[in-house]
Protein backbone atom coordinates (compact mmCIF):
# COMPACT_ATOMS: atom_id res chain seq x y z
CA MET A 1 -83.09 -127.59 108.19
CA LEU A 2 -86.55 -128.56 107.56
CA VAL A 3 -89.34 -128.77 109.96
CA ASP A 4 -93.18 -128.88 109.49
CA ASN A 5 -94.22 -125.65 112.46
CA GLY A 6 -93.07 -122.02 113.24
CA VAL A 7 -89.60 -122.83 115.13
CA ASN A 8 -90.70 -121.00 118.28
CA GLY A 9 -91.86 -123.32 120.67
CA ASP A 10 -89.75 -126.13 119.06
CA SER A 11 -86.23 -125.88 121.23
CA ARG A 12 -84.73 -129.21 119.90
CA VAL A 13 -84.71 -127.50 116.17
CA GLN A 14 -83.87 -124.21 117.60
CA LYS A 15 -80.85 -125.31 119.37
CA ALA A 16 -79.85 -127.64 116.37
CA ALA A 17 -79.68 -124.84 114.11
CA ARG A 18 -77.58 -122.33 116.29
CA SER A 19 -75.01 -125.00 117.27
CA ALA A 20 -74.63 -126.21 113.45
CA ALA A 21 -74.40 -122.41 112.54
CA ALA A 22 -71.81 -121.96 115.10
CA ALA A 23 -70.04 -125.30 114.19
CA GLY A 24 -69.24 -123.35 110.95
CA TRP A 25 -71.94 -124.78 108.68
CA GLU A 26 -74.21 -122.33 106.28
CA VAL A 27 -77.72 -122.89 108.08
CA ILE A 28 -80.72 -122.12 106.37
CA LEU A 29 -83.76 -123.28 108.59
CA LEU A 30 -87.18 -123.74 106.72
CA GLY A 31 -90.50 -124.02 109.03
CA ARG A 32 -94.18 -123.03 107.92
CA SER A 33 -95.40 -120.08 108.80
CA PRO A 34 -98.52 -119.57 111.25
CA GLY A 35 -100.25 -117.09 109.10
CA SER A 36 -100.51 -116.31 105.43
CA LEU A 37 -97.33 -114.19 104.88
CA PRO A 38 -93.75 -115.66 105.00
CA GLN A 39 -91.36 -114.40 108.00
CA GLU A 40 -87.52 -114.20 108.17
CA TRP A 41 -85.42 -113.63 111.21
CA GLN A 42 -81.78 -114.86 112.57
CA LEU A 43 -81.40 -117.15 115.12
CA GLY A 44 -77.65 -116.86 116.17
CA ARG A 45 -75.70 -117.49 113.24
CA ALA A 46 -78.78 -119.44 111.56
CA GLU A 47 -81.24 -118.13 108.99
CA VAL A 48 -84.61 -119.03 109.95
CA ARG A 49 -87.66 -118.96 107.06
CA LEU A 50 -90.95 -119.78 107.35
CA LEU A 51 -93.12 -120.74 104.45
CA ALA A 52 -96.58 -119.94 103.54
CA MET A 53 -98.08 -123.13 103.34
CA PRO A 54 -101.76 -123.25 101.84
CA ALA A 55 -103.30 -126.59 102.96
CA PRO A 56 -105.92 -127.08 100.63
CA LEU A 57 -105.32 -130.82 100.40
CA ALA A 58 -105.60 -131.51 103.91
CA LEU A 59 -109.51 -130.89 103.69
CA ARG A 60 -111.04 -134.36 103.07
CA ARG A 61 -113.64 -134.53 100.05
CA HIS A 62 -116.51 -135.20 102.64
CA GLN A 63 -115.90 -131.71 103.79
CA PHE A 64 -116.77 -130.21 100.54
CA ARG A 65 -120.39 -132.40 100.53
CA ARG A 66 -123.38 -132.13 101.87
CA ALA A 67 -124.62 -135.36 103.59
CA TRP A 68 -128.35 -134.93 102.63
CA LEU A 69 -129.52 -138.43 103.77
CA ARG A 70 -128.34 -138.40 107.16
CA TRP A 71 -128.85 -134.54 107.65
CA PRO A 72 -131.28 -133.05 105.12
CA LEU A 73 -131.56 -129.84 106.63
CA ALA A 74 -127.74 -129.10 107.12
CA TYR A 75 -126.28 -125.92 105.50
CA PRO A 76 -123.73 -126.29 102.91
CA PRO A 77 -120.30 -126.96 104.21
CA ASN A 78 -118.97 -123.31 102.48
CA GLY A 79 -119.28 -120.96 105.32
CA VAL A 80 -122.97 -119.75 104.91
CA ALA A 81 -123.67 -121.28 108.37
CA ALA A 82 -121.43 -119.02 110.37
CA HIS A 83 -122.68 -116.23 108.03
CA ARG A 84 -126.13 -116.81 108.83
CA GLN A 85 -125.77 -117.51 112.68
CA GLN A 86 -123.55 -114.02 112.77
CA SER A 87 -126.85 -112.40 110.91
CA VAL A 88 -128.96 -113.76 113.20
CA LYS A 89 -126.94 -112.16 116.26
CA ALA A 90 -126.82 -108.90 114.72
CA TRP A 91 -130.93 -108.59 114.15
CA ARG A 92 -131.08 -109.49 117.76
CA ALA A 93 -129.08 -106.61 118.45
CA ASP A 94 -130.63 -103.94 116.62
CA LEU A 95 -133.74 -105.23 118.05
CA ALA A 96 -132.48 -104.85 121.80
CA VAL A 97 -131.75 -101.44 120.35
CA ARG A 98 -134.46 -100.21 119.17
CA ALA A 99 -136.72 -101.65 122.09
CA ALA A 100 -134.61 -99.71 124.43
CA GLU A 101 -135.13 -96.62 122.28
CA LEU A 102 -138.92 -97.36 122.09
CA ALA A 103 -139.13 -98.05 126.23
CA VAL A 104 -137.96 -94.46 126.83
CA ALA A 105 -139.88 -92.72 124.08
CA ARG A 106 -142.36 -89.65 124.79
CA PRO A 107 -145.90 -90.81 124.91
CA ASP A 108 -146.80 -88.59 122.23
CA THR A 109 -144.30 -90.25 119.49
CA PRO A 110 -145.64 -90.82 115.92
CA ARG A 111 -146.87 -94.37 115.92
CA LEU A 112 -145.27 -95.68 118.71
CA GLY A 113 -147.34 -98.55 119.54
CA LEU A 114 -147.58 -99.37 116.19
CA ARG A 115 -143.54 -99.13 116.26
CA ARG A 116 -143.70 -101.32 119.65
CA ARG A 117 -145.57 -103.87 118.17
CA GLN A 118 -143.46 -104.32 115.56
CA VAL A 119 -140.59 -104.71 117.23
CA LYS A 120 -142.44 -107.15 119.29
CA ALA A 121 -143.24 -109.27 116.31
CA GLU A 122 -139.71 -109.01 114.78
CA GLU A 123 -138.60 -110.44 118.66
CA LEU A 124 -140.90 -113.36 118.19
CA ALA A 125 -139.52 -113.60 114.40
CA VAL A 126 -135.83 -113.51 115.35
CA ARG A 127 -136.65 -116.37 118.00
CA VAL A 128 -137.88 -118.46 115.10
CA VAL A 129 -134.90 -117.87 112.38
CA GLY A 130 -132.60 -118.32 115.31
CA LYS A 131 -133.91 -121.86 115.93
CA TRP A 132 -134.01 -122.82 112.33
CA VAL A 133 -130.39 -121.70 112.06
CA SER A 134 -128.95 -123.39 114.92
CA LEU A 135 -130.69 -126.53 113.63
CA ARG A 136 -129.28 -126.17 110.58
CA HIS A 137 -126.00 -125.17 111.97
CA TRP A 138 -126.19 -128.20 114.38
CA MET A 139 -126.85 -131.02 111.71
CA LEU A 140 -123.48 -129.39 109.74
CA THR A 141 -121.49 -129.90 113.10
CA GLN A 142 -122.71 -133.19 113.28
CA ALA A 143 -122.19 -134.38 109.74
CA HIS A 144 -118.56 -133.23 110.19
CA ARG A 145 -118.08 -134.31 113.60
CA ARG A 146 -119.69 -138.03 112.88
CA ARG A 147 -117.68 -138.33 109.79
CA ARG A 148 -114.50 -137.17 110.85
CA PHE A 149 -114.89 -140.57 113.36
CA ARG A 150 -113.64 -143.91 112.85
CA ASN A 151 -116.13 -146.22 110.93
CA PRO A 152 -116.45 -149.15 108.64
CA TRP A 153 -116.30 -147.17 105.80
CA ASP A 154 -112.97 -145.21 106.93
CA ARG A 155 -111.19 -148.42 107.38
CA ALA A 156 -112.79 -150.28 104.31
CA TYR A 157 -111.05 -147.36 102.24
CA THR A 158 -108.01 -147.52 104.18
CA LEU A 159 -107.60 -151.21 103.66
CA PHE A 160 -108.41 -150.93 99.75
CA TRP A 161 -106.01 -148.41 99.54
CA GLN A 162 -103.22 -149.97 101.40
CA GLN A 163 -103.59 -153.03 99.51
CA ALA A 164 -103.87 -151.36 95.60
CA LYS A 165 -100.80 -149.12 96.51
CA GLY A 166 -99.26 -150.64 98.93
CA ASP A 167 -96.52 -147.72 100.63
CA GLY A 168 -97.80 -145.32 97.99
CA ALA A 169 -101.10 -145.26 99.58
CA TRP A 170 -100.39 -142.40 101.33
CA ARG A 171 -101.10 -140.48 98.41
CA ARG A 172 -104.76 -141.49 98.61
CA LEU A 173 -105.19 -141.55 102.66
CA GLU A 174 -103.50 -138.16 103.32
CA PRO A 175 -102.93 -136.23 100.64
CA GLY A 176 -102.28 -133.06 102.73
CA LEU A 177 -98.26 -134.39 102.72
CA TRP A 178 -98.46 -132.67 99.49
CA ASP A 179 -98.83 -129.66 100.90
CA TYR A 180 -95.84 -129.88 102.47
CA GLU A 181 -94.17 -130.56 99.30
CA LEU A 182 -95.60 -127.68 97.59
CA ALA A 183 -94.59 -125.23 99.96
CA TYR A 184 -90.93 -126.57 100.54
CA GLY A 185 -89.73 -128.56 97.75
CA PRO A 186 -89.10 -125.20 95.33
CA VAL A 187 -87.52 -123.79 98.16
CA VAL A 188 -85.04 -126.60 98.69
CA ASP A 189 -84.94 -126.94 95.16
CA GLU A 190 -83.36 -123.16 94.67
CA LEU A 191 -81.04 -123.18 97.70
CA GLN A 192 -79.38 -126.34 96.41
CA PRO A 193 -78.31 -127.54 99.63
CA ASP A 194 -75.50 -130.30 100.03
CA LEU A 195 -77.29 -131.60 102.89
CA ILE A 196 -80.80 -131.92 104.49
CA HIS A 197 -81.72 -132.34 108.01
CA ALA A 198 -85.29 -133.25 107.75
CA ASN A 199 -86.85 -133.00 111.28
CA ASP A 200 -89.57 -135.79 111.94
CA PHE A 201 -91.78 -137.96 109.24
CA ARG A 202 -93.75 -135.24 107.45
CA MET A 203 -90.19 -133.55 106.39
CA LEU A 204 -88.67 -136.82 105.59
CA GLY A 205 -90.78 -137.27 102.70
CA VAL A 206 -89.84 -133.39 101.37
CA ALA A 207 -85.99 -133.91 101.74
CA ALA A 208 -85.66 -137.40 100.14
CA ARG A 209 -88.07 -135.91 96.97
CA ALA A 210 -85.41 -133.00 96.97
CA LYS A 211 -82.70 -135.42 96.46
CA ILE A 212 -84.44 -137.53 94.02
CA ARG A 213 -84.83 -134.42 92.16
CA ALA A 214 -80.88 -133.26 92.74
CA ARG A 215 -79.64 -136.59 91.42
CA ALA A 216 -81.33 -136.51 88.27
CA GLN A 217 -79.85 -133.26 87.84
CA GLY A 218 -76.30 -135.02 88.54
CA ARG A 219 -76.09 -133.21 92.32
CA ASP A 220 -76.01 -135.34 95.20
CA ILE A 221 -77.47 -134.00 98.34
CA LYS A 222 -77.20 -136.01 101.70
CA VAL A 223 -80.15 -136.36 103.59
CA VAL A 224 -80.02 -136.56 108.08
CA TRP A 225 -83.51 -137.79 109.16
CA ASP A 226 -84.27 -136.81 112.73
CA ALA A 227 -87.03 -138.77 114.20
CA HIS A 228 -88.60 -137.21 116.94
CA GLU A 229 -91.08 -140.06 117.46
CA PHE A 230 -91.92 -143.57 116.93
CA LEU A 231 -94.79 -143.19 114.30
CA PRO A 232 -96.21 -146.87 115.24
CA GLY A 233 -96.40 -145.84 118.89
CA LEU A 234 -97.57 -142.28 118.42
CA LYS A 235 -101.36 -141.13 119.55
CA PRO A 236 -103.15 -140.36 115.95
CA TRP A 237 -103.31 -136.15 115.39
CA GLN A 238 -106.43 -136.91 113.69
CA ASP A 239 -109.77 -139.25 114.82
CA ASN A 240 -110.02 -141.31 111.69
CA ALA A 241 -108.65 -144.91 110.39
CA ARG A 242 -106.53 -143.19 107.87
CA TRP A 243 -104.24 -140.89 109.70
CA LEU A 244 -101.60 -143.14 111.17
CA PRO A 245 -101.50 -145.75 108.39
CA ALA A 246 -101.08 -142.95 105.88
CA HIS A 247 -98.29 -141.49 107.65
CA MET A 248 -96.74 -144.68 108.29
CA ALA A 249 -96.53 -145.53 104.63
CA HIS A 250 -95.05 -142.04 103.83
CA GLU A 251 -92.24 -142.84 106.41
CA ARG A 252 -91.49 -146.58 105.21
CA GLU A 253 -91.30 -145.07 101.21
CA TYR A 254 -88.63 -142.37 101.87
CA ALA A 255 -86.72 -144.10 105.38
CA PRO A 256 -84.48 -145.67 102.80
CA TYR A 257 -83.16 -142.25 101.37
CA ALA A 258 -81.81 -141.13 104.49
CA ASP A 259 -78.00 -141.45 104.71
CA ALA A 260 -77.85 -140.92 108.06
CA VAL A 261 -80.41 -141.05 111.10
CA VAL A 262 -80.83 -139.67 114.25
CA THR A 263 -82.84 -139.70 117.20
CA VAL A 264 -83.49 -138.96 120.97
CA SER A 265 -83.11 -141.89 123.02
CA ASP A 266 -81.67 -145.47 122.78
CA GLY A 267 -84.82 -146.99 122.56
CA LEU A 268 -86.05 -145.30 120.07
CA ALA A 269 -82.77 -145.93 118.11
CA GLU A 270 -83.56 -149.65 118.85
CA LEU A 271 -87.24 -149.28 117.28
CA LEU A 272 -86.14 -147.68 114.14
CA GLN A 273 -83.55 -149.96 113.39
CA ARG A 274 -85.61 -153.08 113.34
CA GLN A 275 -88.68 -150.91 111.89
CA HIS A 276 -87.06 -149.73 108.99
CA ARG A 277 -84.42 -152.42 108.48
CA LEU A 278 -81.80 -149.71 108.93
CA THR A 279 -78.12 -151.15 108.10
CA GLU A 280 -76.98 -148.87 111.02
CA ARG A 281 -77.89 -148.08 114.39
CA PRO A 282 -79.21 -144.48 114.45
CA ASP A 283 -77.18 -142.03 116.56
CA VAL A 284 -78.91 -140.46 119.84
CA VAL A 285 -78.93 -137.02 120.32
CA LEU A 286 -80.61 -136.10 123.14
CA ASN A 287 -83.10 -133.51 123.99
CA ALA A 288 -81.08 -131.56 126.43
CA PRO A 289 -80.49 -128.13 127.52
CA ALA A 290 -77.68 -125.63 126.70
CA ALA A 291 -75.13 -125.94 129.63
CA ASP A 292 -74.66 -122.36 129.84
CA HIS A 293 -78.33 -121.00 129.50
CA MET A 294 -78.90 -117.46 130.30
CA GLU A 295 -75.19 -116.49 129.72
CA LEU A 296 -75.82 -117.03 126.08
CA VAL A 297 -78.37 -113.60 125.84
CA PRO A 298 -77.77 -111.86 129.01
CA ASP A 299 -79.84 -109.08 127.69
CA ALA A 300 -82.86 -111.03 127.55
CA PRO A 301 -83.16 -112.56 131.29
CA ALA A 302 -85.58 -115.32 132.16
CA PRO A 303 -88.69 -113.92 133.93
CA ASP A 304 -89.60 -115.10 137.83
CA LEU A 305 -91.84 -117.67 137.45
CA ARG A 306 -93.06 -116.98 140.70
CA ALA A 307 -93.65 -113.25 140.09
CA ARG A 308 -96.00 -114.86 137.19
CA CYS A 309 -97.92 -116.92 139.39
CA GLY A 310 -98.29 -114.45 141.96
CA VAL A 311 -96.67 -116.51 144.88
CA GLY A 312 -94.20 -115.62 147.43
CA PRO A 313 -90.94 -117.70 148.03
CA ASP A 314 -92.37 -120.04 150.83
CA VAL A 315 -95.46 -121.09 148.67
CA PRO A 316 -94.93 -124.82 147.30
CA LEU A 317 -94.80 -124.74 143.78
CA LEU A 318 -95.10 -127.44 141.20
CA VAL A 319 -94.55 -127.06 137.81
CA TYR A 320 -95.38 -128.52 134.54
CA SER A 321 -93.66 -127.53 131.05
CA GLY A 322 -94.44 -128.96 127.81
CA ALA A 323 -97.38 -129.73 125.36
CA ALA A 324 -100.70 -129.93 127.07
CA ALA A 325 -102.99 -132.58 126.04
CA ARG A 326 -104.77 -135.47 127.86
CA GLN A 327 -102.42 -138.01 127.30
CA ARG A 328 -99.43 -135.49 129.11
CA GLY A 329 -101.68 -136.38 132.33
CA LEU A 330 -102.08 -132.65 133.58
CA ASP A 331 -105.47 -133.62 135.29
CA ILE A 332 -104.09 -135.16 137.61
CA MET A 333 -102.13 -132.02 138.72
CA VAL A 334 -105.61 -130.26 139.48
CA GLU A 335 -107.25 -133.24 140.82
CA ALA A 336 -104.82 -133.67 143.41
CA LEU A 337 -104.78 -130.19 144.59
CA PRO A 338 -107.76 -130.41 147.35
CA GLN A 339 -105.67 -132.80 149.24
CA MET A 340 -102.96 -130.40 149.39
CA PRO A 341 -104.11 -127.04 150.99
CA ASP A 342 -100.92 -125.10 150.20
CA VAL A 343 -99.75 -126.45 147.23
CA HIS A 344 -99.70 -124.07 143.68
CA VAL A 345 -99.47 -125.52 140.15
CA ALA A 346 -98.13 -124.07 137.33
CA LEU A 347 -98.67 -124.70 133.88
CA VAL A 348 -96.14 -123.91 131.17
CA VAL A 349 -97.56 -124.97 128.04
CA ASN A 350 -97.80 -124.08 124.58
CA LYS A 351 -101.48 -123.08 124.25
CA PRO A 352 -102.47 -121.45 128.02
CA ALA A 353 -105.70 -120.24 126.20
CA GLY A 354 -106.19 -123.69 124.49
CA PRO A 355 -109.92 -125.94 125.05
CA TYR A 356 -107.56 -128.15 126.89
CA VAL A 357 -106.13 -125.81 129.30
CA SER A 358 -109.37 -123.97 129.44
CA GLY A 359 -110.93 -127.37 130.62
CA LEU A 360 -108.41 -127.80 133.50
CA LEU A 361 -109.06 -124.82 134.44
CA ALA A 362 -112.81 -124.93 134.79
CA ARG A 363 -112.10 -128.15 136.48
CA ALA A 364 -109.96 -126.29 139.39
CA ALA A 365 -112.70 -123.66 139.60
CA ARG A 366 -115.11 -126.54 140.23
CA LEU A 367 -113.37 -128.40 142.93
CA GLY A 368 -112.43 -124.66 144.51
CA VAL A 369 -108.63 -124.46 143.66
CA GLY A 370 -108.95 -122.35 140.76
CA ASP A 371 -106.99 -119.43 142.27
CA ARG A 372 -103.96 -122.24 142.66
CA VAL A 373 -104.01 -122.90 138.89
CA HIS A 374 -101.67 -121.03 136.68
CA ALA A 375 -101.56 -121.04 132.89
CA LEU A 376 -98.37 -119.65 131.47
CA PRO A 377 -97.26 -119.54 127.96
CA TYR A 378 -93.80 -120.59 126.75
CA VAL A 379 -90.46 -118.55 127.30
CA GLU A 380 -87.61 -118.52 124.90
CA HIS A 381 -85.86 -122.14 125.09
CA TRP A 382 -82.42 -120.05 126.73
CA GLN A 383 -84.52 -119.18 129.44
CA VAL A 384 -86.44 -122.14 130.18
CA VAL A 385 -83.78 -123.40 132.97
CA PRO A 386 -83.61 -120.65 134.98
CA PHE A 387 -87.20 -119.64 134.71
CA LEU A 388 -88.50 -123.38 135.94
CA ALA A 389 -85.89 -123.19 138.74
CA GLY A 390 -88.22 -121.15 140.47
CA ALA A 391 -90.72 -123.92 141.59
CA ASP A 392 -90.17 -126.62 144.04
CA VAL A 393 -90.93 -129.69 142.13
CA GLY A 394 -90.80 -130.71 138.59
CA VAL A 395 -93.87 -133.04 137.60
CA ILE A 396 -93.91 -135.26 134.48
CA PRO A 397 -97.44 -136.94 134.72
CA ILE A 398 -97.64 -138.77 131.16
CA HIS A 399 -99.78 -141.51 130.26
CA HIS A 400 -98.53 -144.67 129.13
CA TRP A 401 -98.06 -144.44 125.78
CA PRO A 402 -95.03 -146.37 123.66
CA ASN A 403 -93.31 -143.31 122.65
CA HIS A 404 -93.46 -142.22 126.49
CA GLU A 405 -91.82 -145.50 127.70
CA ILE A 406 -88.47 -145.13 125.56
CA ALA A 407 -87.47 -141.58 125.99
CA LEU A 408 -85.89 -139.28 128.37
CA ILE A 409 -88.18 -136.04 127.35
CA THR A 410 -87.09 -132.67 126.85
CA LYS A 411 -88.67 -131.41 130.36
CA PHE A 412 -86.87 -134.03 132.09
CA PHE A 413 -83.24 -132.58 131.35
CA GLU A 414 -84.73 -129.04 131.33
CA TYR A 415 -86.02 -129.92 135.20
CA SER A 416 -82.67 -131.77 135.69
CA HIS A 417 -80.46 -128.71 134.99
CA ALA A 418 -83.08 -126.48 136.78
CA ARG A 419 -81.96 -128.72 140.10
CA LEU A 420 -85.60 -129.93 140.50
CA PRO A 421 -86.48 -132.90 142.58
CA LEU A 422 -88.73 -134.68 140.00
CA VAL A 423 -91.96 -136.36 140.26
CA VAL A 424 -92.69 -139.12 137.41
CA SER A 425 -95.11 -141.49 136.17
CA ASP A 426 -93.98 -144.61 136.14
CA VAL A 427 -93.04 -144.74 132.14
CA LYS A 428 -90.44 -147.19 131.67
CA THR A 429 -86.87 -145.30 130.90
CA MET A 430 -87.91 -142.24 132.52
CA ALA A 431 -89.18 -144.13 136.19
CA GLU A 432 -85.86 -146.52 135.80
CA THR A 433 -83.77 -143.28 135.24
CA VAL A 434 -85.47 -141.38 138.21
CA ARG A 435 -84.71 -144.43 140.87
CA ALA A 436 -81.23 -144.89 139.51
CA THR A 437 -80.37 -141.49 140.26
CA GLY A 438 -82.43 -140.36 143.33
CA GLN A 439 -83.64 -137.00 141.85
CA GLY A 440 -87.07 -137.73 142.39
CA GLU A 441 -89.88 -139.71 143.42
CA VAL A 442 -92.44 -142.56 140.89
CA PHE A 443 -95.95 -142.69 140.85
CA VAL A 444 -98.46 -144.97 139.04
CA ALA A 445 -99.85 -143.29 136.02
CA GLU A 446 -103.08 -141.75 136.71
CA ASP A 447 -103.24 -142.47 140.10
CA VAL A 448 -104.07 -139.57 142.00
CA ALA A 449 -103.61 -141.15 145.49
CA ASP A 450 -99.82 -142.19 144.54
CA TYR A 451 -99.24 -138.49 142.81
CA VAL A 452 -100.24 -137.13 146.08
CA ARG A 453 -98.22 -139.54 147.94
CA ALA A 454 -94.69 -138.82 145.48
CA VAL A 455 -95.60 -134.91 145.62
CA ARG A 456 -95.53 -134.69 149.56
CA ALA A 457 -91.99 -136.93 149.78
CA ALA A 458 -90.22 -134.58 147.05
CA LEU A 459 -91.45 -131.17 149.11
CA ALA A 460 -91.07 -132.70 152.52
CA ASP A 461 -87.22 -133.12 151.79
CA PRO A 462 -86.09 -131.27 148.80
CA ALA A 463 -82.54 -131.66 149.44
CA ARG A 464 -82.31 -134.96 149.28
CA TYR A 465 -83.18 -134.84 145.74
CA ARG A 466 -81.56 -132.22 144.61
CA ALA A 467 -77.76 -133.50 145.95
CA ALA A 468 -78.24 -136.24 143.05
CA TYR A 469 -77.43 -133.53 140.41
CA ASP A 470 -73.83 -132.93 142.59
CA ARG A 471 -73.00 -136.60 141.22
CA PRO A 472 -69.70 -135.78 139.13
CA GLY A 473 -70.60 -136.05 135.09
CA LEU A 474 -74.57 -136.57 135.39
CA LEU A 475 -75.24 -133.02 134.22
CA GLU A 476 -72.35 -132.38 132.16
CA SER A 477 -73.45 -135.28 129.73
CA TRP A 478 -77.03 -133.90 129.93
CA THR A 479 -76.24 -130.72 127.96
CA TRP A 480 -77.07 -129.56 124.27
CA GLU A 481 -73.05 -129.19 123.96
CA ALA A 482 -72.09 -132.76 123.82
CA GLN A 483 -75.22 -133.80 121.82
CA ALA A 484 -74.05 -130.76 119.20
CA GLU A 485 -70.87 -132.58 119.16
CA ALA A 486 -72.48 -135.76 117.99
CA LEU A 487 -74.56 -133.92 115.38
CA ASP A 488 -71.74 -132.03 114.04
CA ALA A 489 -69.87 -135.84 113.81
CA VAL A 490 -73.07 -136.92 112.01
CA TYR A 491 -72.94 -133.89 109.17
CA ARG A 492 -68.78 -134.24 108.99
CA ARG A 493 -69.37 -137.98 108.41
CA LEU A 494 -71.42 -137.27 105.60
CA LEU A 495 -69.58 -134.33 103.93
CA PRO A 496 -65.72 -135.05 104.51
CA GLY A 497 -63.38 -132.90 103.82
CA ARG A 498 -65.22 -129.73 104.70
CA PRO A 499 -63.19 -126.79 106.77
CA ALA A 500 -63.35 -127.48 110.30
CA PRO A 501 -65.06 -124.32 112.50
CA ALA A 502 -62.85 -121.45 112.38
CA SER A 503 -63.89 -120.47 116.33
CA SER A 504 -64.99 -121.76 119.24
CA ALA A 505 -67.98 -119.63 119.89
CA PRO A 506 -70.83 -120.73 121.71
CA ALA A 507 -73.86 -121.78 119.74
CA GLU A 508 -76.42 -119.36 120.93
CA GLU A 509 -73.83 -116.19 120.14
CA ALA A 510 -75.03 -114.29 117.19
CA THR A 511 -72.29 -113.71 114.49
CA PRO A 512 -71.60 -110.45 112.70
CA SER A 513 -72.65 -110.86 109.24
CA ASP A 514 -69.46 -110.20 107.60
CA GLU A 515 -67.90 -113.31 109.72
CA PRO A 516 -65.90 -115.71 107.79
CA ARG A 517 -67.71 -119.20 107.28
CA PRO A 518 -67.15 -122.11 105.12
CA ALA A 519 -69.00 -122.12 101.36
CA VAL A 520 -71.30 -124.86 102.25
CA ARG A 521 -74.78 -124.65 101.79
CA THR A 522 -76.49 -127.30 104.22
CA GLY A 523 -80.02 -126.91 103.65
CA THR A 524 -79.57 -127.30 107.53
């Protein structure tokens, strides 16, 4: 299995690897190490290897050049700016200590007056040098920032290579995709897998190229492409004109090499089939949690959400769990708090100290509600449901983006298994589901007043919304166990005749190293 992240925090990938290994496949999960050193560990019966991945090709050529005409005084982009800034800070620190020493020196200290005048002169000099360094550093920052933004040159450059290279234009527009190939490709070739499960659009190319090389050597590799997002509807991860066209071209070039496609929702399956003219509709594997949760790892109980927030059992607590970004709509949860004096908010996010969440906390402080907003890190994926169950309401305030309209996202199922009343924005699929099941309230996205109304309704009668989860078969159909069977069926369709699982051990259970397994290396 290939994934372009560090595995931790990606519950879908973790569950897929565990369940495939428990079903009898030999699973090796390749991810990207967050540091410069590779890492390895076991995930149930699956083996995880995080690869060190230098990414020099991810840098644009302009990042190595000086913008002489627009910013003639800017430092060269070689790291000297940070060095000069730190040097000035060190000089100031030294002067502060020397000035303090002279301030308490005995009057008869030799050359005391001269030394004090020298410190005063240096203090003047460091102010002048500091302003000069700050000016040059600011110009360097402006040169990088403004060059990153979309502009006519970026659009013209993108259009030229699209016309000249077609779907091969990504090689010029996003050469950083080769960094993944150079890190993952040799390892995949060495493993000689029978099947590669490629998660999302970056890994699709790595898998397809491995398939092409294997075919030249007389081996056949089956490729399963697990599409987590509809790329044309994705907000670009970088603010330039090239990112989205490049990745779309890369996806179009390699989509035909997928022997099977799986995805996260029916709506996305339809879009992918139409976008890539697939002969078969992709199989749907929902981002559902495991049914047995903590029973799978009894020695690692879930932490207490309320204890981490420092609130008692009677305090109304709203929770958001997932990635933190502006389009996820977390701002509304803070902006609404002045209208709900007793309510606390828990943000269980990937980067609780990141710039976006730090901005939310600063905004909460300005509104006088800083003590009621709690930023918390992720817990292990098998702990998520019991952890979230400590809240009163699960909130999904996402904005209207194409990918948000078509899926029931991971947190929707996690909140549901935690039996939380939901408050969701009016994105299409989620709003329709909540209205049909009666498990929560829907509000107009980015509308604070309507959000407050929905939260108050959910808090006023939680039993009414929790009762929706008693509907026979509802939660059972939203479990990873049901999805794992669908994924295993895809594997066995591509690799018929493989041995059936030797046992029915649960997907999360660790397996002793001497446990017999089918001698099939899937690369998944």
